[in-house]
Structures are given as C-alpha cells and as structure tokens.
Amino acid sequence: AEATNKILIRVLERTVETGRDWHEKMHNALWAYRTTIRTPTNATPAELVYGTEIVLPLHVQKPAMKFAALIELPINKYQKKRLTQLDLLDEKRLQAAEACRSLS
C-alpha cells in the first residue's frame, strides 16, 4: 500500500495545479495506476482483480480488433470464453503473488 501511495502522490504532484484541486485529479491518477502493467506481476492491478483487461475509453469509442471479435461471438460461446478466463484468474493471481514473494 505504501508503494502505491508513493506512485499516486508522484502522479498527483505532476498533474495538480493548486494544492486544492488534488481530489479532482485523483480519479485519473487511480485509473492510470490501475491500468498500468506492474513489472513484478506482469499484469495490471485491475486485471488481477477482475480477471480481464480493462476496456479503455478509446476502445469503447472505436473497438479494438480483439473486442470486436468478442462482440461477434454468440452468447453461449462468449459465456464459455468468459468462464475460461475466470478459471485462469486464480492461476494468474498465484503467479503474481509468487513473483512478488521472490522479489522480497
């Protein structure tokens, strides 16, 4: 948690114009932190929590190929694909935890 706070403080220091508007920039700072790949885990914090990549606003407006392909799937195939992703989530979390342990 302390490392996360240091990163967020650094981001806020670069984006806050006055000492009073930091709370307005916090949302963007958190978004940046949660969607940036961390070297020790080789995944984003959001990916470890939700088990899938976060769809960035740009992807919402103009879908990337992988998301466009996913949308074209029939609902039953999409559900199976999503369940497979969720099954792999625990494995990915364990790998991330092991990678963090090996650093300390």
Foldseek 3Di string as FASTA:
>chain_A
DVVLVVQLVVVLVVPPDDPPCSVVCSVVSVVVQQQDQDVLLRGGVVCLVPLDHDQDPVCVVPNDPVVVVLVPDDPVVNVVVVVVSVVCSVVSNVSSVVSVVVVD
